[in-house]
Protein backbone atom coordinates (compact mmCIF):
# COMPACT_ATOMS: atom_id res chain seq x y z
CA MET A 1 5.47 -9.63 13.51
CA ALA A 2 8.79 -10.19 11.84
CA ASP A 3 10.73 -7.34 10.37
CA ALA A 4 11.99 -7.11 6.82
CA PRO A 5 14.65 -9.51 5.57
CA SER A 6 16.52 -6.58 3.99
CA ALA A 7 16.56 -3.01 5.29
CA VAL A 8 16.92 -1.47 1.84
CA ARG A 9 14.36 -3.51 -0.05
CA CYS A 10 11.50 -1.15 0.74
CA SER A 11 10.91 2.54 1.21
CA ILE A 12 7.93 4.50 2.50
CA GLN A 13 6.47 7.84 1.58
CA HIS A 14 4.95 9.88 4.39
CA ARG A 15 1.76 11.80 3.97
CA TRP A 16 3.40 15.21 3.87
CA GLY A 17 6.21 14.42 1.46
CA SER A 18 9.20 12.94 3.26
CA GLY A 19 10.40 9.44 2.49
CA GLU A 20 12.75 6.90 4.02
CA ASP A 21 13.95 3.32 3.87
CA VAL A 22 11.85 1.04 6.03
CA SER A 23 12.98 -1.97 8.03
CA SER A 24 10.43 -2.47 10.80
CA VAL A 25 6.70 -2.93 11.24
CA ASP A 26 6.79 -0.15 13.85
CA GLN A 27 7.60 2.29 11.06
CA LEU A 28 4.59 0.98 9.14
CA ALA A 29 2.26 1.45 12.09
CA ASP A 30 3.47 5.03 12.50
CA LEU A 31 2.97 5.62 8.78
CA LEU A 32 -0.64 4.41 8.91
CA ASP A 33 -1.27 6.57 11.99
CA GLU A 34 -0.66 9.59 9.75
CA LEU A 35 -3.97 8.83 8.03
CA GLU A 36 -5.87 9.73 11.20
CA VAL A 37 -5.39 13.47 10.54
CA ASP A 38 -7.97 15.13 8.30
CA ASP A 39 -6.01 16.51 5.32
CA PRO A 40 -7.73 16.13 1.92
CA GLU A 41 -4.77 17.72 0.16
CA HIS A 42 -2.48 14.87 1.28
CA PRO A 43 -4.74 11.80 1.35
CA ASP A 44 -2.30 8.87 1.13
CA VAL A 45 0.86 7.13 2.24
CA TRP A 46 2.67 4.31 0.48
CA ILE A 47 5.29 1.60 0.59
CA SER A 48 7.49 0.68 -2.37
CA ASP A 49 9.13 -2.68 -2.96
CA ASN A 50 12.17 -1.37 -4.79
CA GLU A 51 13.40 -4.85 -5.76
CA ALA A 52 10.11 -6.15 -7.16
CA GLY A 53 9.19 -2.81 -8.73
CA TYR A 54 5.79 -1.89 -7.34
CA ASN A 55 4.21 0.24 -4.66
CA VAL A 56 1.04 0.04 -2.58
CA SER A 57 -0.73 3.27 -1.59
CA VAL A 58 -3.43 3.49 1.06
CA PHE A 59 -5.78 6.40 1.60
CA ALA A 60 -7.42 8.12 4.54
CA GLY A 61 -11.16 7.88 4.97
CA SER A 62 -13.79 5.25 5.47
CA ARG A 63 -13.66 3.89 1.93
CA GLY A 64 -10.51 1.83 2.58
CA LEU A 65 -8.99 2.62 -0.80
CA VAL A 66 -5.78 0.82 -1.80
CA ILE A 67 -3.88 1.26 -5.07
CA TRP A 68 -1.29 -1.23 -6.36
CA GLU A 69 1.00 0.30 -8.98
CA ASP A 70 3.68 -1.29 -11.14
CA HIS A 71 6.74 1.00 -11.42
CA ASP A 72 6.99 0.13 -15.12
CA GLU A 73 3.25 0.80 -15.61
CA VAL A 74 2.82 -2.55 -17.34
CA ARG A 75 -0.11 -3.85 -15.26
CA GLY A 76 -1.40 -1.01 -13.20
CA PRO A 77 -2.62 0.90 -11.49
CA LEU A 78 -5.18 -1.36 -9.87
CA TYR A 79 -7.72 0.06 -7.44
CA MET A 80 -9.52 -1.76 -4.65
CA ASP A 81 -11.56 -0.58 -1.71
CA GLY A 82 -13.03 -1.98 1.46
CA TYR A 83 -9.75 -2.36 3.33
CA SER A 84 -9.75 -1.89 7.08
CA ARG A 85 -6.78 -0.27 8.78
CA ALA A 86 -5.75 -3.75 10.00
CA GLY A 87 -5.94 -5.03 6.42
CA MET A 88 -3.77 -2.13 5.25
CA MET A 89 -1.22 -2.99 7.94
CA GLU A 90 -1.21 -6.63 6.88
CA LEU A 91 -0.70 -5.65 3.24
CA PHE A 92 2.15 -3.24 4.10
CA THR A 93 3.76 -5.95 6.27
CA MET A 94 3.67 -8.44 3.39
CA VAL A 95 5.40 -5.87 1.15
CA LEU A 96 8.03 -5.21 3.83
CA GLN A 97 8.70 -8.93 4.26
CA GLY A 98 9.18 -9.43 0.51
CA ARG A 99 6.11 -11.64 0.12
CA THR A 100 5.66 -10.45 -3.46
CA THR A 101 3.52 -13.31 -4.71
CA GLU A 102 1.00 -12.66 -1.93
CA VAL A 103 0.83 -8.94 -2.67
CA GLU A 104 0.78 -8.74 -6.46
CA PRO A 105 -2.74 -8.96 -7.85
CA PRO A 106 -3.17 -12.26 -9.72
CA ARG A 107 -5.72 -10.67 -12.07
CA VAL A 108 -7.16 -7.31 -12.89
CA LEU A 109 -9.88 -6.95 -10.27
CA TRP A 110 -11.02 -3.58 -11.54
CA ARG A 111 -9.40 -0.51 -12.91
CA PRO A 112 -9.03 2.46 -13.40
CA GLN A 113 -12.32 4.10 -12.43
CA LEU A 114 -12.15 5.11 -8.79
CA LEU A 115 -15.87 5.71 -8.60
CA ALA A 116 -16.87 2.27 -9.86
CA PRO A 117 -18.36 -0.12 -7.29
CA THR A 118 -16.38 -3.17 -6.35
CA THR A 119 -17.14 -6.48 -4.73
CA SER A 120 -13.49 -7.24 -4.04
CA ARG A 121 -12.14 -6.78 -0.55
CA GLY A 122 -8.51 -7.56 -1.27
CA TRP A 123 -6.08 -9.63 -3.24
CA GLY A 124 -6.01 -13.36 -3.15
């Protein structure tokens, strides 16, 4: 997989609070590996596209929960579930590579009730 076109475009937030700029898919894989540890108090990690103004959070557990959030809170947050770990990696990689139009939800799939069922398995 290709790395990011710009090393400062994106940043990541680790599960236990630290953050950093991200420039490689290896960093993303390590970030997702953090979800393997059982820690309900710290359930998620995320990547932010600082240029486009949104972030994507993914959560530990079998549900495959992903949240897309607009930094300006104009269109979000949007919740989706059913993502595999590979799907989460693909989504994070698209964010890292600046593929904004492929990541941003084209429509409100469902929001904001986390307990509501969904038939969606991703954007697009």
